[in-house]
């Protein structure tokens, strides 16, 4: 049974939602409440699987309600509904909602969003994932500049210019964003030299994801038990996957998302490398001996690197599509033909880069006092790029077979 709480302080809207969703799905338990204060009180008594908050809300804003929900009930899926064209409402809820939809999206689309988001949240906040996160210690905090961007987005007077001013406080972030927007895969005819122009071109959502991705690696310092060049090899692989992903997709929007997802696709492994390096090494040992990555990770942690990464990115408010893609990057679609999704592109790019590099053959030096067997010196550490073979039938089902063929022949890299 999935419990869903609909929040709207307009009585007519609330009645319309109740008429549309009350009893529409026997697997749903629904409640309809007038305002964020009432909803928070109800959730304190009995947490729910999902909240659907309409904007605007009087008194407590929808952004404030969703922010408190995220803080007090992180497992609860958070969906924001705004009026079409109300960019201010969308921007304010962007950092704290899993999904932002227009009120006109329709009953079926909203129901799918609730089902999909609650399913993902259940995986990201499973007991096994919570246990390994507790075991490895507190996860890094949201980078300060990104937190400031979130706070600015939540303000009623939020504007693209104001967001640019906040981002300007981080010189490294600005340099990274401008470098990215002017890179070849955007194909701009003129160079963008001002962050405000970049904000206007890419949009706040894409820029926020870029800012988070650019700040992410600064939050980690891998354990000294690992080789001194472990992080540089890891980063090189991440950037190579990001580059391959941007070549496999077509539109500017998709390239933005692909770049961020490629940079962060193995962030769960980085968490374990910093906080639980012995587990990383033992998992690598078993994979080196022929075990699958999923089996080895589940055996030692009860969860997997992609799920740990998705958990962290979800807590930090990364875009839902990126969280979903990273979490599901090892799942080959078994169903009928469909358009490729971000998780498919991550899997394929990781496979292409892994086949073209020797990252998966990195070796661990002898570790004194680590309690590992004598053979530890020959174990691979960086799991990045050790992907299973991809069947042509799967590539064809998700519409990536032609793209992969062109990539392997070098045509995409010549663009």
Protein backbone atom coordinates (compact mmCIF):
# COMPACT_ATOMS: atom_id res chain seq x y z
CA UNK A 1 0.00 0.00 0.00
CA UNK A 2 1.37 3.42 -1.03
CA UNK A 3 0.26 6.34 1.14
CA UNK A 4 -0.05 9.68 -0.69
CA UNK A 5 -0.78 13.06 0.90
CA UNK A 6 -2.16 15.80 -1.36
CA UNK A 7 -1.63 19.35 -0.07
CA UNK A 8 -3.47 22.40 -1.43
CA UNK A 9 -5.04 25.29 0.51
CA UNK A 10 -7.53 26.03 -2.30
CA UNK A 11 -10.65 24.06 -1.38
CA UNK A 12 -11.86 23.77 -4.98
CA UNK A 13 -8.48 22.42 -6.13
CA UNK A 14 -8.40 20.01 -3.21
CA UNK A 15 -11.85 18.67 -4.05
CA UNK A 16 -10.81 18.22 -7.69
CA UNK A 17 -7.74 16.25 -6.60
CA UNK A 18 -9.86 14.13 -4.28
CA UNK A 19 -12.34 13.41 -7.05
CA UNK A 20 -9.51 12.43 -9.41
CA UNK A 21 -7.47 10.25 -7.05
CA UNK A 22 -9.65 9.01 -4.20
CA UNK A 23 -10.21 5.33 -4.94
CA UNK A 24 -8.59 5.47 -8.40
CA UNK A 25 -5.97 2.91 -7.39
CA UNK A 26 -6.67 0.19 -4.84
CA UNK A 27 -2.98 0.13 -3.90
CA UNK A 28 -3.08 3.79 -2.82
CA UNK A 29 -4.08 5.20 0.55
CA UNK A 30 -4.84 8.90 -0.02
CA UNK A 31 -5.44 11.94 2.17
CA UNK A 32 -6.23 15.51 1.14
CA UNK A 33 -5.24 18.34 3.49
CA UNK A 34 -5.53 22.15 3.38
CA UNK A 35 -2.03 23.54 3.85
CA UNK A 36 1.54 22.66 4.79
CA UNK A 37 1.15 23.07 8.57
CA UNK A 38 -1.65 20.51 8.70
CA UNK A 39 0.29 18.14 6.46
CA UNK A 40 3.44 18.31 8.62
CA UNK A 41 1.37 17.64 11.73
CA UNK A 42 -0.19 14.60 10.08
CA UNK A 43 3.19 13.27 8.94
CA UNK A 44 4.59 13.67 12.46
CA UNK A 45 1.88 11.27 13.59
CA UNK A 46 2.18 8.95 10.61
CA UNK A 47 4.80 9.33 7.84
CA UNK A 48 3.62 8.85 4.25
CA UNK A 49 5.28 7.52 1.12
CA UNK A 50 4.64 10.62 -1.02
CA UNK A 51 3.41 14.20 -0.78
CA UNK A 52 1.99 16.15 -3.71
CA UNK A 53 2.12 19.87 -2.91
CA UNK A 54 0.41 22.49 -5.06
CA UNK A 55 1.81 25.99 -5.45
CA UNK A 56 1.18 28.56 -4.29
CA UNK A 57 0.32 27.80 -0.66
CA UNK A 58 -0.66 30.61 1.66
CA UNK A 59 1.04 30.87 5.04
CA UNK A 60 3.78 28.28 4.69
CA UNK A 61 5.01 28.26 1.08
CA UNK A 62 5.17 25.04 -0.91
CA UNK A 63 8.98 25.34 -1.02
CA UNK A 64 9.15 25.67 2.78
CA UNK A 65 6.77 22.75 3.25
CA UNK A 66 8.78 20.51 0.91
CA UNK A 67 12.05 21.62 2.53
CA UNK A 68 10.77 20.63 5.99
CA UNK A 69 9.43 17.37 4.57
CA UNK A 70 12.85 16.60 3.09
CA UNK A 71 14.54 17.39 6.41
CA UNK A 72 12.15 15.47 8.67
CA UNK A 73 11.06 12.70 6.31
CA UNK A 74 13.81 12.21 3.69
CA UNK A 75 12.34 8.93 2.48
CA UNK A 76 9.06 10.57 1.49
CA UNK A 77 8.77 11.29 -2.25
CA UNK A 78 8.15 15.01 -2.85
CA UNK A 79 6.23 16.20 -5.93
CA UNK A 80 5.44 19.85 -6.61
CA UNK A 81 2.57 21.01 -8.82
CA UNK A 82 2.68 24.55 -10.20
CA UNK A 83 0.58 26.56 -12.63
CA UNK A 84 1.82 26.42 -16.24
CA UNK A 85 4.23 29.26 -16.89
CA UNK A 86 4.83 30.01 -13.18
CA UNK A 87 8.63 29.79 -13.36
CA UNK A 88 9.04 31.39 -9.94
CA UNK A 89 7.13 28.58 -8.25
CA UNK A 90 9.07 25.95 -10.19
CA UNK A 91 12.43 27.53 -9.31
CA UNK A 92 11.58 27.79 -5.60
CA UNK A 93 10.64 24.11 -5.32
CA UNK A 94 13.42 22.84 -7.58
CA UNK A 95 16.00 22.11 -4.81
CA UNK A 96 13.52 20.34 -2.52
CA UNK A 97 11.15 18.44 -4.84
CA UNK A 98 11.92 15.11 -6.48
CA UNK A 99 9.65 16.04 -9.37
CA UNK A 100 8.20 19.38 -10.51
CA UNK A 101 5.10 19.06 -12.69
CA UNK A 102 2.51 21.41 -14.15
CA UNK A 103 -0.98 21.21 -12.66
CA UNK A 104 -2.23 20.47 -16.17
CA UNK A 105 -0.08 17.33 -16.52
CA UNK A 106 -3.13 15.09 -16.08
CA UNK A 107 -4.11 12.35 -13.66
CA UNK A 108 -2.22 9.56 -15.43
CA UNK A 109 1.06 11.51 -15.62
CA UNK A 110 0.85 12.48 -11.96
CA UNK A 111 0.02 8.91 -10.94
CA UNK A 112 3.04 7.64 -12.90
CA UNK A 113 5.28 10.23 -11.25
CA UNK A 114 4.08 9.20 -7.79
CA UNK A 115 4.56 5.50 -8.52
CA UNK A 116 7.98 5.96 -10.10
CA UNK A 117 9.30 8.33 -7.43
CA UNK A 118 8.09 6.30 -4.45
CA UNK A 119 9.66 3.18 -5.95
CA UNK A 120 13.01 4.94 -6.35
CA UNK A 121 12.86 6.44 -2.85
CA UNK A 122 12.17 3.00 -1.41
CA UNK A 123 15.34 1.68 -3.03
CA UNK A 124 17.47 4.69 -2.06
CA UNK A 125 16.35 4.64 1.57
CA UNK A 126 16.24 0.89 2.11
CA UNK A 127 17.41 -0.55 5.42
CA UNK A 128 20.56 -1.91 3.78
CA UNK A 129 21.50 1.47 2.30
CA UNK A 130 20.81 3.27 5.57
CA UNK A 131 22.89 0.69 7.41
CA UNK A 132 25.96 1.02 5.19
CA UNK A 133 25.71 4.81 5.28
CA UNK A 134 25.57 4.68 9.08
CA UNK A 135 28.52 2.29 9.08
CA UNK A 136 30.75 4.43 6.87
CA UNK A 137 29.91 7.58 8.85
CA UNK A 138 28.20 10.86 8.10
CA UNK A 139 28.00 11.72 4.41
CA UNK A 140 29.55 15.02 3.26
CA UNK A 141 27.45 18.14 3.63
CA UNK A 142 25.99 19.97 0.67
CA UNK A 143 28.74 22.26 -0.71
CA UNK A 144 28.31 25.79 0.64
CA UNK A 145 27.85 27.48 -2.73
CA UNK A 146 25.18 25.01 -3.77
CA UNK A 147 23.45 25.47 -0.42
CA UNK A 148 23.49 29.23 -1.06
CA UNK A 149 22.00 28.66 -4.51
CA UNK A 150 19.25 26.54 -2.94
CA UNK A 151 18.49 29.30 -0.44
CA UNK A 152 18.37 31.88 -3.24
CA UNK A 153 16.03 29.70 -5.28
CA UNK A 154 13.66 29.43 -2.33
CA UNK A 155 13.31 33.22 -2.10
CA UNK A 156 10.20 34.84 -3.52
CA UNK A 157 12.32 37.38 -5.42
CA UNK A 158 14.47 34.70 -7.07
CA UNK A 159 15.84 35.73 -10.46
CA UNK A 160 18.43 34.38 -12.87
CA UNK A 161 20.62 37.42 -12.17
CA UNK A 162 20.51 36.78 -8.44
CA UNK A 163 21.44 33.12 -8.94
CA UNK A 164 24.40 34.21 -11.08
CA UNK A 165 25.53 36.61 -8.33
CA UNK A 166 25.46 33.80 -5.75
CA UNK A 167 27.42 31.45 -8.00
CA UNK A 168 29.99 34.18 -8.67
CA UNK A 169 31.26 33.74 -5.11
CA UNK A 170 32.90 30.45 -6.16
CA UNK A 171 35.57 31.24 -8.75
CA UNK A 172 36.31 27.59 -9.49
CA UNK A 173 32.62 26.90 -10.06
CA UNK A 174 32.24 29.85 -12.44
CA UNK A 175 35.32 28.78 -14.40
CA UNK A 176 33.98 25.24 -14.70
CA UNK A 177 30.53 26.39 -15.85
CA UNK A 178 31.90 28.78 -18.47
CA UNK A 179 34.35 26.15 -19.70
CA UNK A 180 31.49 23.70 -20.02
CA UNK A 181 29.02 25.96 -21.78
CA UNK A 182 31.70 26.94 -24.30
CA UNK A 183 32.86 23.37 -24.91
CA UNK A 184 32.54 21.89 -28.36
CA UNK A 185 29.54 19.70 -27.64
CA UNK A 186 27.25 22.74 -27.28
CA UNK A 187 28.32 24.00 -30.69
CA UNK A 188 27.86 27.70 -29.88
CA UNK A 189 28.80 30.13 -32.63
CA UNK A 190 29.88 32.82 -30.17
CA UNK A 191 31.67 32.43 -26.85
CA UNK A 192 29.76 33.01 -23.61
CA UNK A 193 31.98 34.94 -21.20
CA UNK A 194 29.49 36.05 -18.57
CA UNK A 195 27.86 33.78 -15.99
CA UNK A 196 24.52 35.57 -16.41
CA UNK A 197 24.55 34.64 -20.09
CA UNK A 198 25.33 31.04 -19.14
CA UNK A 199 22.41 31.03 -16.69
CA UNK A 200 20.09 32.38 -19.37
CA UNK A 201 21.32 29.83 -21.92
CA UNK A 202 21.38 26.69 -19.77
CA UNK A 203 18.72 27.50 -17.17
CA UNK A 204 18.95 27.35 -13.41
CA UNK A 205 18.23 23.62 -13.08
CA UNK A 206 21.11 22.60 -15.35
CA UNK A 207 23.45 25.14 -13.76
CA UNK A 208 22.60 23.97 -10.28
CA UNK A 209 23.39 20.38 -11.26
CA UNK A 210 26.68 21.56 -12.80
CA UNK A 211 27.51 23.46 -9.62
CA UNK A 212 26.80 20.40 -7.50
CA UNK A 213 28.82 18.11 -9.75
CA UNK A 214 31.77 20.53 -9.81
CA UNK A 215 31.77 20.79 -6.03
CA UNK A 216 31.22 17.11 -5.34
CA UNK A 217 34.78 15.86 -5.63
CA UNK A 218 36.07 18.59 -3.32
CA UNK A 219 34.02 17.02 -0.55
CA UNK A 220 36.00 13.75 -0.59
CA UNK A 221 39.48 12.67 0.41
CA UNK A 222 39.98 8.96 -0.35
CA UNK A 223 41.63 6.86 2.36
CA UNK A 224 45.45 6.79 2.48
CA UNK A 225 45.12 2.98 2.33
CA UNK A 226 44.55 3.40 -1.40
CA UNK A 227 47.27 4.24 -3.95
CA UNK A 228 48.19 7.92 -4.20
CA UNK A 229 46.88 8.14 -7.78
CA UNK A 230 43.56 6.44 -7.04
CA UNK A 231 41.52 9.64 -7.10
CA UNK A 232 43.17 10.96 -10.26
CA UNK A 233 42.44 7.67 -12.04
CA UNK A 234 38.89 7.74 -10.73
CA UNK A 235 38.39 11.33 -11.90
CA UNK A 236 39.89 10.55 -15.30
CA UNK A 237 37.42 7.72 -15.77
CA UNK A 238 34.48 9.88 -14.64
CA UNK A 239 35.38 12.65 -17.08
CA UNK A 240 35.88 10.14 -19.91
CA UNK A 241 32.41 8.67 -19.29
CA UNK A 242 30.92 12.18 -19.21
CA UNK A 243 32.56 12.93 -22.56
CA UNK A 244 31.34 9.67 -24.12
CA UNK A 245 27.82 10.31 -22.86
CA UNK A 246 27.68 13.77 -24.41
CA UNK A 247 28.63 12.20 -27.74
CA UNK A 248 25.93 9.53 -27.55
CA UNK A 249 23.04 12.00 -27.02
CA UNK A 250 21.89 14.74 -29.33
CA UNK A 251 20.15 17.78 -27.82
CA UNK A 252 21.81 20.50 -25.73
CA UNK A 253 19.54 19.70 -22.78
CA UNK A 254 20.42 16.00 -22.95
CA UNK A 255 24.13 16.84 -23.22
CA UNK A 256 23.96 18.99 -20.08
CA UNK A 257 22.35 16.18 -18.14
CA UNK A 258 24.67 13.55 -19.61
CA UNK A 259 27.76 15.53 -18.65
CA UNK A 260 26.68 15.82 -15.02
CA UNK A 261 25.54 12.19 -14.77
CA UNK A 262 28.79 10.97 -16.32
CA UNK A 263 30.88 12.94 -13.85
CA UNK A 264 28.93 11.56 -10.89
CA UNK A 265 27.97 8.07 -12.02
CA UNK A 266 30.46 6.34 -9.68
CA UNK A 267 30.10 8.72 -6.73
CA UNK A 268 28.87 5.84 -4.53
CA UNK A 269 32.21 4.11 -5.02
CA UNK A 270 33.95 7.30 -3.94
CA UNK A 271 31.94 7.32 -0.70
CA UNK A 272 33.10 3.79 0.09
CA UNK A 273 36.70 4.57 -0.97
CA UNK A 274 36.85 7.36 1.58
CA UNK A 275 34.88 5.87 4.45
CA UNK A 276 35.26 2.09 4.11
CA UNK A 277 38.34 1.31 1.95
CA UNK A 278 38.64 -2.25 3.29
CA UNK A 279 35.19 -3.03 1.86
CA UNK A 280 36.22 -1.50 -1.47
CA UNK A 281 39.30 -3.72 -1.59
CA UNK A 282 37.43 -6.89 -0.62
CA UNK A 283 34.76 -6.20 -3.21
CA UNK A 284 37.43 -5.59 -5.85
CA UNK A 285 39.07 -8.89 -4.87
CA UNK A 286 35.89 -10.86 -5.48
CA UNK A 287 35.18 -9.13 -8.79
CA UNK A 288 38.76 -9.86 -9.85
CA UNK A 289 38.08 -13.51 -9.07
CA UNK A 290 35.02 -13.53 -11.31
CA UNK A 291 32.12 -12.43 -9.10
CA UNK A 292 29.64 -9.93 -10.47
CA UNK A 293 29.83 -6.41 -9.08
CA UNK A 294 26.28 -6.52 -7.75
CA UNK A 295 26.84 -9.86 -5.97
CA UNK A 296 30.11 -8.72 -4.37
CA UNK A 297 28.72 -5.37 -3.24
CA UNK A 298 25.50 -6.89 -1.89
CA UNK A 299 27.49 -9.52 -0.01
CA UNK A 300 29.68 -6.97 1.76
CA UNK A 301 27.31 -4.02 2.07
CA UNK A 302 23.76 -5.19 1.46
CA UNK A 303 23.50 -2.53 -1.24
CA UNK A 304 25.47 -1.35 -4.29
CA UNK A 305 27.66 1.59 -5.28
CA UNK A 306 24.99 3.06 -7.61
CA UNK A 307 22.35 3.00 -4.87
CA UNK A 308 24.73 4.61 -2.35
CA UNK A 309 25.51 7.29 -4.93
CA UNK A 310 21.84 7.85 -5.65
CA UNK A 311 21.15 8.10 -1.92
CA UNK A 312 23.75 10.85 -1.46
CA UNK A 313 22.65 12.78 -4.56
CA UNK A 314 19.02 12.52 -3.46
CA UNK A 315 19.89 13.97 -0.06
CA UNK A 316 21.75 16.79 -1.79
CA UNK A 317 18.80 17.56 -4.05
CA UNK A 318 20.27 16.54 -7.39
CA UNK A 319 17.75 16.40 -10.24
CA UNK A 320 15.46 13.38 -10.09
CA UNK A 321 16.36 12.14 -13.58
CA UNK A 322 20.08 12.11 -12.73
CA UNK A 323 19.46 10.34 -9.41
CA UNK A 324 17.31 7.76 -11.18
CA UNK A 325 19.83 7.27 -13.99
CA UNK A 326 22.77 6.77 -11.64
CA UNK A 327 20.82 4.42 -9.39
CA UNK A 328 19.66 2.26 -12.31
CA UNK A 329 22.81 2.37 -14.43
CA UNK A 330 23.38 -1.41 -14.27
CA UNK A 331 19.85 -2.43 -15.25
CA UNK A 332 19.55 -3.54 -18.88
CA UNK A 333 16.02 -2.88 -20.12
CA UNK A 334 14.40 -6.29 -20.84
CA UNK A 335 11.11 -5.02 -22.26
CA UNK A 336 9.93 -3.86 -25.69
CA UNK A 337 11.68 -1.16 -27.72
CA UNK A 338 11.66 2.31 -26.14
CA UNK A 339 13.70 5.51 -26.25
CA UNK A 340 16.94 5.33 -24.31
CA UNK A 341 16.99 6.77 -20.81
CA UNK A 342 19.84 8.30 -18.85
CA UNK A 343 20.66 5.04 -17.08
CA UNK A 344 21.07 3.33 -20.48
CA UNK A 345 23.48 6.02 -21.65
CA UNK A 346 25.55 5.74 -18.45
CA UNK A 347 25.80 1.97 -18.82
CA UNK A 348 26.81 2.14 -22.47
CA UNK A 349 29.35 4.96 -22.00
CA UNK A 350 30.87 3.19 -18.98
CA UNK A 351 31.24 0.07 -21.11
CA UNK A 352 32.82 1.95 -24.03
CA UNK A 353 35.30 3.79 -21.82
CA UNK A 354 36.07 0.67 -19.79
CA UNK A 355 36.93 -1.24 -22.95
CA UNK A 356 39.16 1.56 -24.19
CA UNK A 357 41.20 2.09 -21.00
CA UNK A 358 43.13 0.07 -18.48
CA UNK A 359 41.58 1.68 -15.40
CA UNK A 360 40.04 -1.60 -14.31
CA UNK A 361 43.52 -3.11 -14.21
CA UNK A 362 44.85 -0.71 -11.55
CA UNK A 363 46.65 -2.66 -8.84
CA UNK A 364 46.71 -2.23 -5.09
CA UNK A 365 50.16 -1.97 -3.50
CA UNK A 366 50.89 -3.99 -0.40
CA UNK A 367 49.03 -2.55 2.58
CA UNK A 368 50.88 -2.94 5.85
CA UNK A 369 48.81 -3.87 8.87
CA UNK A 370 45.63 -4.07 6.82
CA UNK A 371 44.92 -7.66 7.74
CA UNK A 372 44.52 -8.60 4.08
CA UNK A 373 45.86 -11.83 2.58
CA UNK A 374 49.21 -11.88 0.81
CA UNK A 375 47.51 -11.66 -2.58
CA UNK A 376 46.14 -8.17 -1.83
CA UNK A 377 48.93 -6.54 -3.79
CA UNK A 378 47.51 -7.87 -7.05
CA UNK A 379 43.92 -6.67 -6.60
CA UNK A 380 42.27 -4.03 -8.79
CA UNK A 381 40.97 -1.06 -6.81
CA UNK A 382 39.09 1.22 -9.14
CA UNK A 383 35.93 -0.59 -10.16
CA UNK A 384 35.05 2.18 -12.61
CA UNK A 385 34.70 0.82 -16.11
CA UNK A 386 34.40 -2.88 -15.19
CA UNK A 387 31.11 -3.32 -16.98
CA UNK A 388 29.36 -6.42 -18.17
CA UNK A 389 29.10 -7.07 -21.88
CA UNK A 390 26.23 -5.28 -23.57
CA UNK A 391 24.11 -7.37 -25.91
CA UNK A 392 23.37 -5.83 -29.32
CA UNK A 393 19.72 -6.75 -28.76
CA UNK A 394 19.62 -4.51 -25.67
CA UNK A 395 21.33 -1.65 -27.51
CA UNK A 396 18.82 -1.96 -30.32
CA UNK A 397 15.84 -2.06 -27.93
CA UNK A 398 16.85 1.28 -26.40
CA UNK A 399 17.85 2.92 -29.67
CA UNK A 400 21.61 3.17 -28.99
CA UNK A 401 23.00 0.55 -31.38
CA UNK A 402 23.60 3.02 -34.24
CA UNK A 403 25.13 5.58 -31.86
CA UNK A 404 27.53 3.00 -30.44
CA UNK A 405 28.51 1.88 -33.93
CA UNK A 406 29.33 5.46 -34.94
CA UNK A 407 31.22 6.02 -31.69
CA UNK A 408 33.33 2.90 -32.16
CA UNK A 409 34.13 3.97 -35.71
CA UNK A 410 35.29 7.36 -34.48
CA UNK A 411 32.68 9.46 -36.25
CA UNK A 412 31.12 10.98 -33.13
CA UNK A 413 34.50 11.95 -31.75
CA UNK A 414 35.31 13.90 -34.89
CA UNK A 415 32.38 16.27 -34.50
